[in-house]
Amino acid sequence: MLFKQQALLRQKLFVLGSLAIGSLLYLVARVGSLDRLQPLCPIDGRFGPRGQEEIPLRALQFKRGLLHEFRKGNATKEQVRLHNLQLPKAIIIGVRKGGTRALLEMLNLHPAVVKASQEIHFFDNDENYAKGIEWYRKKMPFSYPHQITIEKSPAYFITEEVPERIYKMNSSIKLLIIVREPTTRAISDYTQVLEGKERKNKTYYKFEKLAIDANTCEVNTKYKAVRTSIYTKHLERWLKYFPIEQFHIVDGDRLITEPLPELQLVEKFLNLPPRISQYNLYFNATRGFYCLRFNIVFNKCLAGSKGRIHPEVDTSVITKLRKFFHPFNQKFYQITGRTFNWP
């Protein structure tokens, strides 16, 4: 009787041991296969003709890790084959303090968009431009052939040489301009400069003194913050090289309060399938801005410097500025075909 019980016990232990070893071998094999897998974007549909491969998931952690492997020379041959450095197919050319960073970060939610992380200032900086187009290309992020690379440098919009330089690179490039109500934009521009001065313990003139010519009591068009807000003057220079169909105007004020409709318009302009949804955007009551949700574990809010509190400006100066900008705004509406509720 005792012998039978011992034999039965040995048999049970053998079965349990076999199961444990089998499970361990499965886990080892599974981990090895996962190391070889490339993350795929869990979205339906294709981005091109039937049979074209789907775009890999661009979780930021994966992109940064991959870029690190490229730079160390540890990328696999398959990764090198699939990725390359593409020149931009679209550029956010302005406007400064219009919401260019927010627009770029929000577009980066789309799996078919890859962004340059820094402002490159290739076309507006003579020293950089002299380094040549290959220098510029090397500043771009790695991307798949069916992805769109986008960069943003707000100074492009107001720099005279830039339209011709971009035209020489790509005459069919798509150009994004994000604008805000001109007076609000000018004050925001001033606020950023003021903050920089204060950090260095330097004094700075009040906005009213800069925006209004003390001799004539008229708007000071030599003040850069005012000049930048005359959108139509700058756009007319660009239209000497590019047709209006290659521009898309983004409402920067609406992007703050209701971003999704604006992003959907950009998706359509860039011929991208609709992928950005309300799931990707959530309002952060503490920050007072929409933040970005890439997936269930990774969220991102814009830098704390966004949404600075503007100094109080004399209402008579605001009224004078709005009256000054009004005819330029009307012409801007006429040229672009987009009307804004600016006073």
C-alpha atoms as a PDB file:
ATOM      1  CA  MET A   1       0.000   0.000   0.000  1.00  0.00           C
ATOM      2  CA  LEU A   2       2.822   2.360   0.939  1.00  0.00           C
ATOM      3  CA  PHE A   3       4.660   1.459  -2.275  1.00  0.00           C
ATOM      4  CA  LYS A   4       1.624   2.382  -4.401  1.00  0.00           C
ATOM      5  CA  GLN A   5       1.248   5.752  -2.655  1.00  0.00           C
ATOM      6  CA  GLN A   6       4.920   6.548  -3.231  1.00  0.00           C
ATOM      7  CA  ALA A   7       4.638   5.579  -6.912  1.00  0.00           C
ATOM      8  CA  LEU A   8       1.548   7.792  -7.329  1.00  0.00           C
ATOM      9  CA  LEU A   9       3.340  10.709  -5.642  1.00  0.00           C
ATOM     10  CA  ARG A  10       6.358  10.322  -7.937  1.00  0.00           C
ATOM     11  CA  GLN A  11       4.017  10.298 -10.955  1.00  0.00           C
ATOM     12  CA  LYS A  12       2.318  13.565  -9.848  1.00  0.00           C
ATOM     13  CA  LEU A  13       5.680  15.223  -9.225  1.00  0.00           C
ATOM     14  CA  PHE A  14       6.839  14.158 -12.677  1.00  0.00           C
ATOM     15  CA  VAL A  15       3.748  15.660 -14.328  1.00  0.00           C
ATOM     16  CA  LEU A  16       4.098  18.936 -12.387  1.00  0.00           C
ATOM     17  CA  GLY A  17       7.799  19.124 -13.198  1.00  0.00           C
ATOM     18  CA  SER A  18       7.119  18.572 -16.881  1.00  0.00           C
ATOM     19  CA  LEU A  19       4.528  21.339 -16.895  1.00  0.00           C
ATOM     20  CA  ALA A  20       6.907  23.745 -15.130  1.00  0.00           C
ATOM     21  CA  ILE A  21       9.748  23.034 -17.575  1.00  0.00           C
ATOM     22  CA  GLY A  22       7.385  23.359 -20.540  1.00  0.00           C
ATOM     23  CA  SER A  23       6.096  26.716 -19.295  1.00  0.00           C
ATOM     24  CA  LEU A  24       9.644  27.977 -18.759  1.00  0.00           C
ATOM     25  CA  LEU A  25      10.680  26.941 -22.259  1.00  0.00           C
ATOM     26  CA  TYR A  26       7.593  28.679 -23.715  1.00  0.00           C
ATOM     27  CA  LEU A  27       8.396  31.929 -21.879  1.00  0.00           C
ATOM     28  CA  VAL A  28      11.992  31.873 -23.078  1.00  0.00           C
ATOM     29  CA  ALA A  29      10.874  31.327 -26.673  1.00  0.00           C
ATOM     30  CA  ARG A  30       8.188  33.990 -26.356  1.00  0.00           C
ATOM     31  CA  VAL A  31      10.616  36.646 -25.037  1.00  0.00           C
ATOM     32  CA  GLY A  32      13.022  35.854 -27.834  1.00  0.00           C
ATOM     33  CA  SER A  33      10.316  36.319 -30.447  1.00  0.00           C
ATOM     34  CA  LEU A  34       9.153  39.577 -28.848  1.00  0.00           C
ATOM     35  CA  ASP A  35      12.662  40.972 -29.150  1.00  0.00           C
ATOM     36  CA  ARG A  36      12.449  40.404 -32.884  1.00  0.00           C
ATOM     37  CA  LEU A  37       9.017  41.938 -33.294  1.00  0.00           C
ATOM     38  CA  GLN A  38       8.571  45.557 -34.389  1.00  0.00           C
ATOM     39  CA  PRO A  39       5.663  47.388 -32.726  1.00  0.00           C
ATOM     40  CA  LEU A  40       2.738  47.799 -35.118  1.00  0.00           C
ATOM     41  CA  CYS A  41       0.114  50.477 -34.972  1.00  0.00           C
ATOM     42  CA  PRO A  42      -3.194  48.864 -33.891  1.00  0.00           C
ATOM     43  CA  ILE A  43      -5.351  50.777 -36.347  1.00  0.00           C
ATOM     44  CA  ASP A  44      -7.671  49.588 -39.071  1.00  0.00           C
ATOM     45  CA  GLY A  45      -7.259  50.363 -42.723  1.00  0.00           C
ATOM     46  CA  ARG A  46      -4.312  51.113 -44.949  1.00  0.00           C
ATOM     47  CA  PHE A  47      -2.534  54.342 -45.745  1.00  0.00           C
ATOM     48  CA  GLY A  48      -2.210  53.628 -49.410  1.00  0.00           C
ATOM     49  CA  PRO A  49      -3.143  51.077 -52.087  1.00  0.00           C
ATOM     50  CA  ARG A  50      -4.288  47.635 -50.955  1.00  0.00           C
ATOM     51  CA  GLY A  51      -1.384  45.514 -49.841  1.00  0.00           C
ATOM     52  CA  GLN A  52       0.805  48.352 -48.561  1.00  0.00           C
ATOM     53  CA  GLU A  53       2.226  47.656 -45.117  1.00  0.00           C
ATOM     54  CA  GLU A  54       0.698  49.411 -42.132  1.00  0.00           C
ATOM     55  CA  ILE A  55       2.571  52.182 -40.359  1.00  0.00           C
ATOM     56  CA  PRO A  56       4.391  51.097 -37.178  1.00  0.00           C
ATOM     57  CA  LEU A  57       3.295  52.500 -33.846  1.00  0.00           C
ATOM     58  CA  ARG A  58       5.182  55.686 -33.056  1.00  0.00           C
ATOM     59  CA  ALA A  59       5.001  55.675 -29.290  1.00  0.00           C
ATOM     60  CA  LEU A  60       7.536  58.317 -28.348  1.00  0.00           C
ATOM     61  CA  GLN A  61       9.520  55.929 -26.174  1.00  0.00           C
ATOM     62  CA  PHE A  62       9.982  53.612 -29.158  1.00  0.00           C
ATOM     63  CA  LYS A  63      10.983  56.440 -31.501  1.00  0.00           C
ATOM     64  CA  ARG A  64      13.561  57.814 -29.082  1.00  0.00           C
ATOM     65  CA  GLY A  65      14.955  54.360 -28.400  1.00  0.00           C
ATOM     66  CA  LEU A  66      15.227  53.624 -32.105  1.00  0.00           C
ATOM     67  CA  LEU A  67      16.962  56.928 -32.794  1.00  0.00           C
ATOM     68  CA  HIS A  68      19.416  56.121 -29.994  1.00  0.00           C
ATOM     69  CA  GLU A  69      20.173  52.753 -31.599  1.00  0.00           C
ATOM     70  CA  PHE A  70      20.745  54.413 -34.984  1.00  0.00           C
ATOM     71  CA  ARG A  71      23.191  56.874 -33.470  1.00  0.00           C
ATOM     72  CA  LYS A  72      25.085  54.134 -31.619  1.00  0.00           C
ATOM     73  CA  GLY A  73      25.205  52.049 -34.790  1.00  0.00           C
ATOM     74  CA  ASN A  74      23.241  49.216 -33.161  1.00  0.00           C
ATOM     75  CA  ALA A  75      20.193  49.351 -35.445  1.00  0.00           C
ATOM     76  CA  THR A  76      19.391  46.145 -37.298  1.00  0.00           C
ATOM     77  CA  LYS A  77      19.734  45.909 -41.073  1.00  0.00           C
ATOM     78  CA  GLU A  78      15.949  45.696 -41.312  1.00  0.00           C
ATOM     79  CA  GLN A  79      15.536  48.922 -39.327  1.00  0.00           C
ATOM     80  CA  VAL A  80      18.090  50.657 -41.518  1.00  0.00           C
ATOM     81  CA  ARG A  81      16.301  49.431 -44.640  1.00  0.00           C
ATOM     82  CA  LEU A  82      12.881  50.617 -43.479  1.00  0.00           C
ATOM     83  CA  HIS A  83      13.953  54.003 -42.141  1.00  0.00           C
ATOM     84  CA  ASN A  84      15.537  56.972 -43.830  1.00  0.00           C
ATOM     85  CA  LEU A  85      15.985  60.715 -43.451  1.00  0.00           C
ATOM     86  CA  GLN A  86      13.372  62.441 -45.574  1.00  0.00           C
ATOM     87  CA  LEU A  87      13.211  66.109 -46.368  1.00  0.00           C
ATOM     88  CA  PRO A  88       9.986  67.687 -45.061  1.00  0.00           C
ATOM     89  CA  LYS A  89       6.856  67.306 -47.153  1.00  0.00           C
ATOM     90  CA  ALA A  90       5.184  69.992 -45.047  1.00  0.00           C
ATOM     91  CA  ILE A  91       6.525  72.915 -43.018  1.00  0.00           C
ATOM     92  CA  ILE A  92       4.855  75.017 -40.333  1.00  0.00           C
ATOM     93  CA  ILE A  93       6.242  78.383 -41.430  1.00  0.00           C
ATOM     94  CA  GLY A  94       4.600  80.547 -38.772  1.00  0.00           C
ATOM     95  CA  VAL A  95       3.365  82.569 -37.116  1.00  0.00           C
ATOM     96  CA  ARG A  96       5.473  83.211 -34.021  1.00  0.00           C
ATOM     97  CA  LYS A  97       3.267  83.027 -30.895  1.00  0.00           C
ATOM     98  CA  GLY A  98       0.438  81.718 -33.037  1.00  0.00           C
ATOM     99  CA  GLY A  99       0.636  78.183 -31.632  1.00  0.00           C
ATOM    100  CA  THR A 100       3.261  76.563 -33.851  1.00  0.00           C
ATOM    101  CA  ARG A 101       4.613  74.255 -31.114  1.00  0.00           C
ATOM    102  CA  ALA A 102       1.133  73.134 -30.071  1.00  0.00           C
ATOM    103  CA  LEU A 103       0.215  72.418 -33.693  1.00  0.00           C
ATOM    104  CA  LEU A 104       3.367  70.387 -34.307  1.00  0.00           C
ATOM    105  CA  GLU A 105       2.968  68.329 -31.136  1.00  0.00           C
ATOM    106  CA  MET A 106      -0.700  67.645 -31.870  1.00  0.00           C
ATOM    107  CA  LEU A 107       0.022  66.575 -35.456  1.00  0.00           C
ATOM    108  CA  ASN A 108       2.635  64.204 -34.053  1.00  0.00           C
ATOM    109  CA  LEU A 109      -0.269  62.196 -32.616  1.00  0.00           C
ATOM    110  CA  HIS A 110      -0.878  60.942 -36.159  1.00  0.00           C
ATOM    111  CA  PRO A 111       0.977  57.696 -36.979  1.00  0.00           C
ATOM    112  CA  ALA A 112       1.838  58.975 -40.458  1.00  0.00           C
ATOM    113  CA  VAL A 113       3.527  62.135 -39.155  1.00  0.00           C
ATOM    114  CA  VAL A 114       7.113  62.390 -37.910  1.00  0.00           C
ATOM    115  CA  LYS A 115       8.298  65.710 -36.500  1.00  0.00           C
ATOM    116  CA  ALA A 116      11.642  67.421 -36.186  1.00  0.00           C
ATOM    117  CA  SER A 117      11.950  68.031 -32.451  1.00  0.00           C
ATOM    118  CA  GLN A 118      13.810  71.343 -32.664  1.00  0.00           C
ATOM    119  CA  GLU A 119      13.471  74.493 -34.763  1.00  0.00           C
ATOM    120  CA  ILE A 120      16.191  74.044 -37.363  1.00  0.00           C
ATOM    121  CA  HIS A 121      16.284  77.580 -38.819  1.00  0.00           C
ATOM    122  CA  PHE A 122      17.780  76.364 -42.075  1.00  0.00           C
ATOM    123  CA  PHE A 123      16.077  78.689 -44.542  1.00  0.00           C
ATOM    124  CA  ASP A 124      16.143  81.877 -42.437  1.00  0.00           C
ATOM    125  CA  ASN A 125      19.722  81.575 -41.191  1.00  0.00           C
ATOM    126  CA  ASP A 126      22.385  82.350 -43.813  1.00  0.00           C
ATOM    127  CA  GLU A 127      25.067  80.402 -41.966  1.00  0.00           C
ATOM    128  CA  ASN A 128      22.906  77.289 -41.731  1.00  0.00           C
ATOM    129  CA  TYR A 129      21.679  77.624 -45.308  1.00  0.00           C
ATOM    130  CA  ALA A 130      25.284  77.764 -46.553  1.00  0.00           C
ATOM    131  CA  LYS A 131      25.823  74.278 -45.066  1.00  0.00           C
ATOM    132  CA  GLY A 132      23.642  72.828 -47.800  1.00  0.00           C
ATOM    133  CA  ILE A 133      20.566  70.666 -48.189  1.00  0.00           C
ATOM    134  CA  GLU A 134      22.269  67.486 -46.922  1.00  0.00           C
ATOM    135  CA  TRP A 135      23.015  69.215 -43.616  1.00  0.00           C
ATOM    136  CA  TYR A 136      19.326  70.054 -43.427  1.00  0.00           C
ATOM    137  CA  ARG A 137      18.292  66.485 -44.274  1.00  0.00           C
ATOM    138  CA  LYS A 138      20.483  65.115 -41.481  1.00  0.00           C
ATOM    139  CA  LYS A 139      18.573  67.283 -39.015  1.00  0.00           C
ATOM    140  CA  MET A 140      15.378  65.386 -39.852  1.00  0.00           C
ATOM    141  CA  PRO A 141      14.112  62.444 -37.781  1.00  0.00           C
ATOM    142  CA  PHE A 142      14.204  58.877 -39.087  1.00  0.00           C
ATOM    143  CA  SER A 143      10.957  57.910 -40.783  1.00  0.00           C
ATOM    144  CA  TYR A 144       9.289  55.291 -42.932  1.00  0.00           C
ATOM    145  CA  PRO A 145       8.874  56.056 -46.654  1.00  0.00           C
ATOM    146  CA  HIS A 146       5.097  56.426 -46.312  1.00  0.00           C
ATOM    147  CA  GLN A 147       5.329  58.907 -43.422  1.00  0.00           C
ATOM    148  CA  ILE A 148       5.345  62.702 -43.695  1.00  0.00           C
ATOM    149  CA  THR A 149       8.194  64.591 -42.064  1.00  0.00           C
ATOM    150  CA  ILE A 150       7.217  68.019 -40.709  1.00  0.00           C
ATOM    151  CA  GLU A 151       9.373  70.766 -39.225  1.00  0.00           C
ATOM    152  CA  LYS A 152       8.452  74.170 -37.852  1.00  0.00           C
ATOM    153  CA  SER A 153      10.367  77.434 -37.696  1.00  0.00           C
ATOM    154  CA  PRO A 154       8.095  80.477 -37.186  1.00  0.00           C
ATOM    155  CA  ALA A 155      10.761  82.902 -38.402  1.00  0.00           C
ATOM    156  CA  TYR A 156      10.318  81.500 -41.916  1.00  0.00           C
ATOM    157  CA  PHE A 157       7.054  83.399 -42.403  1.00  0.00           C
ATOM    158  CA  ILE A 158       8.547  86.876 -41.967  1.00  0.00           C
ATOM    159  CA  THR A 159      12.042  86.358 -43.464  1.00  0.00           C
ATOM    160  CA  GLU A 160      12.321  87.691 -47.019  1.00  0.00           C
ATOM    161  CA  GLU A 161      14.712  85.083 -48.436  1.00  0.00           C
ATOM    162  CA  VAL A 162      12.818  82.023 -47.189  1.00  0.00           C
ATOM    163  CA  PRO A 163      10.043  81.591 -49.815  1.00  0.00           C
ATOM    164  CA  GLU A 164      12.520  81.371 -52.686  1.00  0.00           C
ATOM    165  CA  ARG A 165      14.824  79.033 -50.763  1.00  0.00           C
ATOM    166  CA  ILE A 166      12.020  76.624 -49.885  1.00  0.00           C
ATOM    167  CA  TYR A 167      10.731  76.781 -53.470  1.00  0.00           C
ATOM    168  CA  LYS A 168      14.161  75.701 -54.753  1.00  0.00           C
ATOM    169  CA  MET A 169      14.063  72.692 -52.417  1.00  0.00           C
ATOM    170  CA  ASN A 170      10.497  71.615 -53.219  1.00  0.00           C
ATOM    171  CA  SER A 171       8.081  73.695 -55.282  1.00  0.00           C
ATOM    172  CA  SER A 172       5.138  71.438 -54.340  1.00  0.00           C
ATOM    173  CA  ILE A 173       5.669  71.441 -50.571  1.00  0.00           C
ATOM    174  CA  LYS A 174       2.664  72.028 -48.306  1.00  0.00           C
ATOM    175  CA  LEU A 175       2.831  75.056 -46.027  1.00  0.00           C
ATOM    176  CA  LEU A 176       0.997  75.511 -42.735  1.00  0.00           C
ATOM    177  CA  ILE A 177       0.383  78.919 -41.166  1.00  0.00           C
ATOM    178  CA  ILE A 178      -1.219  79.158 -37.736  1.00  0.00           C
ATOM    179  CA  VAL A 179      -2.538  82.585 -36.790  1.00  0.00           C
ATOM    180  CA  ARG A 180      -4.194  84.259 -33.809  1.00  0.00           C
ATOM    181  CA  GLU A 181      -6.038  87.541 -33.430  1.00  0.00           C
ATOM    182  CA  PRO A 182      -3.249  89.997 -34.384  1.00  0.00           C
ATOM    183  CA  THR A 183      -3.358  92.240 -31.304  1.00  0.00           C
ATOM    184  CA  THR A 184      -3.422  89.253 -28.924  1.00  0.00           C
ATOM    185  CA  ARG A 185      -0.525  87.700 -30.842  1.00  0.00           C
ATOM    186  CA  ALA A 186       1.514  90.929 -30.605  1.00  0.00           C
ATOM    187  CA  ILE A 187       0.971  91.124 -26.832  1.00  0.00           C
ATOM    188  CA  SER A 188       1.939  87.454 -26.487  1.00  0.00           C
ATOM    189  CA  ASP A 189       5.091  88.163 -28.489  1.00  0.00           C
ATOM    190  CA  TYR A 190       5.933  91.043 -26.152  1.00  0.00           C
ATOM    191  CA  THR A 191       5.232  88.883 -23.085  1.00  0.00           C
ATOM    192  CA  GLN A 192       7.743  86.247 -24.151  1.00  0.00           C
ATOM    193  CA  VAL A 193      10.467  88.843 -24.700  1.00  0.00           C
ATOM    194  CA  LEU A 194       9.604  90.531 -21.389  1.00  0.00           C
ATOM    195  CA  GLU A 195       9.946  87.240 -19.518  1.00  0.00           C
ATOM    196  CA  GLY A 196      13.369  86.699 -21.063  1.00  0.00           C
ATOM    197  CA  LYS A 197      14.484  90.159 -19.965  1.00  0.00           C
ATOM    198  CA  GLU A 198      13.222  89.605 -16.426  1.00  0.00           C
ATOM    199  CA  ARG A 199      15.104  86.320 -16.141  1.00  0.00           C
ATOM    200  CA  LYS A 200      18.290  88.278 -16.858  1.00  0.00           C
ATOM    201  CA  ASN A 201      17.293  91.036 -14.407  1.00  0.00           C
ATOM    202  CA  LYS A 202      16.995  93.518 -17.249  1.00  0.00           C
ATOM    203  CA  THR A 203      14.403  96.253 -17.595  1.00  0.00           C
ATOM    204  CA  TYR A 204      12.116  96.555 -20.604  1.00  0.00           C
ATOM    205  CA  TYR A 205       9.718  99.132 -21.979  1.00  0.00           C
ATOM    206  CA  LYS A 206       5.991  98.733 -21.477  1.00  0.00           C
ATOM    207  CA  PHE A 207       4.077  97.340 -24.423  1.00  0.00           C
ATOM    208  CA  GLU A 208       2.249 100.634 -24.987  1.00  0.00           C
ATOM    209  CA  LYS A 209       5.528 102.525 -25.389  1.00  0.00           C
ATOM    210  CA  LEU A 210       6.771 100.050 -28.022  1.00  0.00           C
ATOM    211  CA  ALA A 211       3.536  99.630 -29.956  1.00  0.00           C
ATOM    212  CA  ILE A 212       2.682 103.333 -30.257  1.00  0.00           C
ATOM    213  CA  ASP A 213       4.996 105.926 -31.799  1.00  0.00           C
ATOM    214  CA  ALA A 214       5.415 108.685 -29.211  1.00  0.00           C
ATOM    215  CA  ASN A 215       5.927 111.344 -31.893  1.00  0.00           C
ATOM    216  CA  THR A 216       2.875 110.596 -34.040  1.00  0.00           C
ATOM    217  CA  CYS A 217       0.679 108.743 -31.527  1.00  0.00           C
ATOM    218  CA  GLU A 218       0.072 106.198 -34.290  1.00  0.00           C
ATOM    219  CA  VAL A 219       0.835 102.491 -34.393  1.00  0.00           C
ATOM    220  CA  ASN A 220       4.565 101.862 -34.579  1.00  0.00           C
ATOM    221  CA  THR A 221       5.028  99.582 -37.603  1.00  0.00           C
ATOM    222  CA  LYS A 222       8.774  99.433 -36.938  1.00  0.00           C
ATOM    223  CA  TYR A 223       8.078  97.390 -33.813  1.00  0.00           C
ATOM    224  CA  LYS A 224       8.604  93.755 -34.809  1.00  0.00           C
ATOM    225  CA  ALA A 225       5.702  92.390 -32.758  1.00  0.00           C
ATOM    226  CA  VAL A 226       3.325  94.702 -34.650  1.00  0.00           C
ATOM    227  CA  ARG A 227       4.934  94.037 -38.024  1.00  0.00           C
ATOM    228  CA  THR A 228       4.670  90.258 -37.608  1.00  0.00           C
ATOM    229  CA  SER A 229       0.907  90.540 -37.047  1.00  0.00           C
ATOM    230  CA  ILE A 230       0.349  92.148 -40.480  1.00  0.00           C
ATOM    231  CA  TYR A 231      -0.187  88.678 -41.917  1.00  0.00           C
ATOM    232  CA  THR A 232      -1.211  89.716 -45.411  1.00  0.00           C
ATOM    233  CA  LYS A 233       2.041  91.624 -46.054  1.00  0.00           C
ATOM    234  CA  HIS A 234       4.117  88.509 -45.418  1.00  0.00           C
ATOM    235  CA  LEU A 235       1.740  86.152 -47.213  1.00  0.00           C
ATOM    236  CA  GLU A 236       1.864  88.241 -50.379  1.00  0.00           C
ATOM    237  CA  ARG A 237       5.612  87.640 -50.562  1.00  0.00           C
ATOM    238  CA  TRP A 238       5.060  83.873 -50.328  1.00  0.00           C
ATOM    239  CA  LEU A 239       2.421  83.979 -53.060  1.00  0.00           C
ATOM    240  CA  LYS A 240       5.081  85.077 -55.546  1.00  0.00           C
ATOM    241  CA  TYR A 241       6.416  81.513 -55.355  1.00  0.00           C
ATOM    242  CA  PHE A 242       3.557  79.274 -54.205  1.00  0.00           C
ATOM    243  CA  PRO A 243      -0.145  79.135 -55.159  1.00  0.00           C
ATOM    244  CA  ILE A 244      -2.646  79.671 -52.366  1.00  0.00           C
ATOM    245  CA  GLU A 245      -3.707  75.997 -52.685  1.00  0.00           C
ATOM    246  CA  GLN A 246      -0.397  74.965 -51.112  1.00  0.00           C
ATOM    247  CA  PHE A 247      -1.177  76.896 -47.927  1.00  0.00           C
ATOM    248  CA  HIS A 248      -3.448  75.893 -45.081  1.00  0.00           C
ATOM    249  CA  ILE A 249      -4.426  78.468 -42.467  1.00  0.00           C
ATOM    250  CA  VAL A 250      -4.924  77.138 -38.935  1.00  0.00           C
ATOM    251  CA  ASP A 251      -6.983  79.055 -36.384  1.00  0.00           C
ATOM    252  CA  GLY A 252      -4.630  79.282 -33.406  1.00  0.00           C
ATOM    253  CA  ASP A 253      -7.315  80.632 -31.074  1.00  0.00           C
ATOM    254  CA  ARG A 254      -9.614  77.703 -31.860  1.00  0.00           C
ATOM    255  CA  LEU A 255      -6.741  75.209 -31.527  1.00  0.00           C
ATOM    256  CA  ILE A 256      -6.542  76.249 -27.857  1.00  0.00           C
ATOM    257  CA  THR A 257     -10.245  75.864 -27.069  1.00  0.00           C
ATOM    258  CA  GLU A 258     -11.407  73.244 -29.578  1.00  0.00           C
ATOM    259  CA  PRO A 259      -8.390  71.513 -31.150  1.00  0.00           C
ATOM    260  CA  LEU A 260      -9.924  68.459 -32.828  1.00  0.00           C
ATOM    261  CA  PRO A 261     -11.814  70.214 -35.683  1.00  0.00           C
ATOM    262  CA  GLU A 262      -8.679  72.197 -36.564  1.00  0.00           C
ATOM    263  CA  LEU A 263      -6.537  69.050 -36.590  1.00  0.00           C
ATOM    264  CA  GLN A 264      -9.058  67.255 -38.786  1.00  0.00           C
ATOM    265  CA  LEU A 265      -8.806  70.071 -41.324  1.00  0.00           C
ATOM    266  CA  VAL A 266      -5.019  69.713 -41.338  1.00  0.00           C
ATOM    267  CA  GLU A 267      -5.303  65.937 -41.810  1.00  0.00           C
ATOM    268  CA  LYS A 268      -7.447  66.564 -44.868  1.00  0.00           C
ATOM    269  CA  PHE A 269      -5.037  69.190 -46.253  1.00  0.00           C
ATOM    270  CA  LEU A 270      -2.082  66.803 -45.876  1.00  0.00           C
ATOM    271  CA  ASN A 271      -4.069  63.960 -47.486  1.00  0.00           C
ATOM    272  CA  LEU A 272      -3.780  61.885 -44.338  1.00  0.00           C
ATOM    273  CA  PRO A 273      -6.412  59.352 -43.271  1.00  0.00           C
ATOM    274  CA  PRO A 274      -8.317  60.554 -40.182  1.00  0.00           C
ATOM    275  CA  ARG A 275      -6.553  59.094 -37.159  1.00  0.00           C
ATOM    276  CA  ILE A 276      -6.518  61.821 -34.482  1.00  0.00           C
ATOM    277  CA  SER A 277      -9.622  61.548 -32.303  1.00  0.00           C
ATOM    278  CA  GLN A 278     -11.024  63.060 -29.137  1.00  0.00           C
ATOM    279  CA  TYR A 279      -9.380  60.172 -27.265  1.00  0.00           C
ATOM    280  CA  ASN A 280      -5.988  61.734 -28.062  1.00  0.00           C
ATOM    281  CA  LEU A 281      -6.925  65.110 -26.534  1.00  0.00           C
ATOM    282  CA  TYR A 282      -7.979  65.755 -22.961  1.00  0.00           C
ATOM    283  CA  PHE A 283      -8.444  69.032 -21.127  1.00  0.00           C
ATOM    284  CA  ASN A 284      -6.123  69.600 -18.179  1.00  0.00           C
ATOM    285  CA  ALA A 285      -8.007  71.916 -15.834  1.00  0.00           C
ATOM    286  CA  THR A 286      -4.854  72.690 -13.835  1.00  0.00           C
ATOM    287  CA  ARG A 287      -2.921  73.820 -16.898  1.00  0.00           C
ATOM    288  CA  GLY A 288      -5.936  75.297 -18.648  1.00  0.00           C
ATOM    289  CA  PHE A 289      -4.908  73.621 -21.913  1.00  0.00           C
ATOM    290  CA  TYR A 290      -5.537  70.429 -23.820  1.00  0.00           C
ATOM    291  CA  CYS A 291      -2.919  67.747 -23.314  1.00  0.00           C
ATOM    292  CA  LEU A 292      -2.046  64.836 -25.598  1.00  0.00           C
ATOM    293  CA  ARG A 293      -2.759  61.141 -25.071  1.00  0.00           C
ATOM    294  CA  PHE A 294      -0.641  58.903 -27.287  1.00  0.00           C
ATOM    295  CA  ASN A 295      -1.777  55.626 -25.720  1.00  0.00           C
ATOM    296  CA  ILE A 296      -3.045  54.224 -22.435  1.00  0.00           C
ATOM    297  CA  VAL A 297       0.298  54.774 -20.692  1.00  0.00           C
ATOM    298  CA  PHE A 298       1.846  57.845 -22.322  1.00  0.00           C
ATOM    299  CA  ASN A 299       0.444  61.382 -22.038  1.00  0.00           C
ATOM    300  CA  LYS A 300       2.122  64.693 -22.738  1.00  0.00           C
ATOM    301  CA  CYS A 301       1.366  68.334 -21.919  1.00  0.00           C
ATOM    302  CA  LEU A 302       3.055  71.325 -23.499  1.00  0.00           C
ATOM    303  CA  ALA A 303       5.840  73.089 -21.637  1.00  0.00           C
ATOM    304  CA  GLY A 304       4.931  75.263 -18.671  1.00  0.00           C
ATOM    305  CA  SER A 305       6.047  78.357 -20.593  1.00  0.00           C
ATOM    306  CA  LYS A 306       2.993  78.002 -22.821  1.00  0.00           C
ATOM    307  CA  GLY A 307       0.026  80.090 -21.813  1.00  0.00           C
ATOM    308  CA  ARG A 308       1.905  82.901 -20.099  1.00  0.00           C
ATOM    309  CA  ILE A 309      -0.250  85.493 -18.342  1.00  0.00           C
ATOM    310  CA  HIS A 310      -0.226  88.684 -20.415  1.00  0.00           C
ATOM    311  CA  PRO A 311       0.381  92.043 -18.760  1.00  0.00           C
ATOM    312  CA  GLU A 312      -2.523  94.473 -18.674  1.00  0.00           C
ATOM    313  CA  VAL A 313      -2.481  96.804 -21.656  1.00  0.00           C
ATOM    314  CA  ASP A 314      -4.240 100.162 -21.904  1.00  0.00           C
ATOM    315  CA  THR A 315      -7.599  99.602 -23.584  1.00  0.00           C
ATOM    316  CA  SER A 316      -7.154 102.636 -25.829  1.00  0.00           C
ATOM    317  CA  VAL A 317      -3.963 101.086 -27.215  1.00  0.00           C
ATOM    318  CA  ILE A 318      -5.743  97.780 -27.843  1.00  0.00           C
ATOM    319  CA  THR A 319      -8.532  99.628 -29.655  1.00  0.00           C
ATOM    320  CA  LYS A 320      -6.030 101.551 -31.773  1.00  0.00           C
ATOM    321  CA  LEU A 321      -4.184  98.356 -32.713  1.00  0.00           C
ATOM    322  CA  ARG A 322      -7.362  96.513 -33.660  1.00  0.00           C
ATOM    323  CA  LYS A 323      -8.443  99.418 -35.827  1.00  0.00           C
ATOM    324  CA  PHE A 324      -5.016  99.435 -37.477  1.00  0.00           C
ATOM    325  CA  PHE A 325      -5.040  95.678 -38.194  1.00  0.00           C
ATOM    326  CA  HIS A 326      -8.648  95.607 -39.463  1.00  0.00           C
ATOM    327  CA  PRO A 327      -8.037  96.390 -43.179  1.00  0.00           C
ATOM    328  CA  PHE A 328      -5.083  93.986 -43.286  1.00  0.00           C
ATOM    329  CA  ASN A 329      -7.265  91.299 -41.718  1.00  0.00           C
ATOM    330  CA  GLN A 330      -9.992  91.824 -44.324  1.00  0.00           C
ATOM    331  CA  LYS A 331      -7.466  91.378 -47.112  1.00  0.00           C
ATOM    332  CA  PHE A 332      -6.089  88.268 -45.395  1.00  0.00           C
ATOM    333  CA  TYR A 333      -9.603  86.767 -45.306  1.00  0.00           C
ATOM    334  CA  GLN A 334     -10.039  87.541 -48.989  1.00  0.00           C
ATOM    335  CA  ILE A 335      -6.740  85.971 -50.041  1.00  0.00           C
ATOM    336  CA  THR A 336      -7.000  82.820 -47.922  1.00  0.00           C
ATOM    337  CA  GLY A 337     -10.732  82.222 -48.147  1.00  0.00           C
ATOM    338  CA  ARG A 338     -10.924  81.809 -44.389  1.00  0.00           C
ATOM    339  CA  THR A 339     -12.708  84.317 -42.147  1.00  0.00           C
ATOM    340  CA  PHE A 340     -12.032  84.797 -38.439  1.00  0.00           C
ATOM    341  CA  ASN A 341     -14.107  86.580 -35.821  1.00  0.00           C
ATOM    342  CA  TRP A 342     -11.419  89.130 -35.110  1.00  0.00           C
ATOM    343  CA  PRO A 343     -12.569  92.574 -33.915  1.00  0.00           C
END
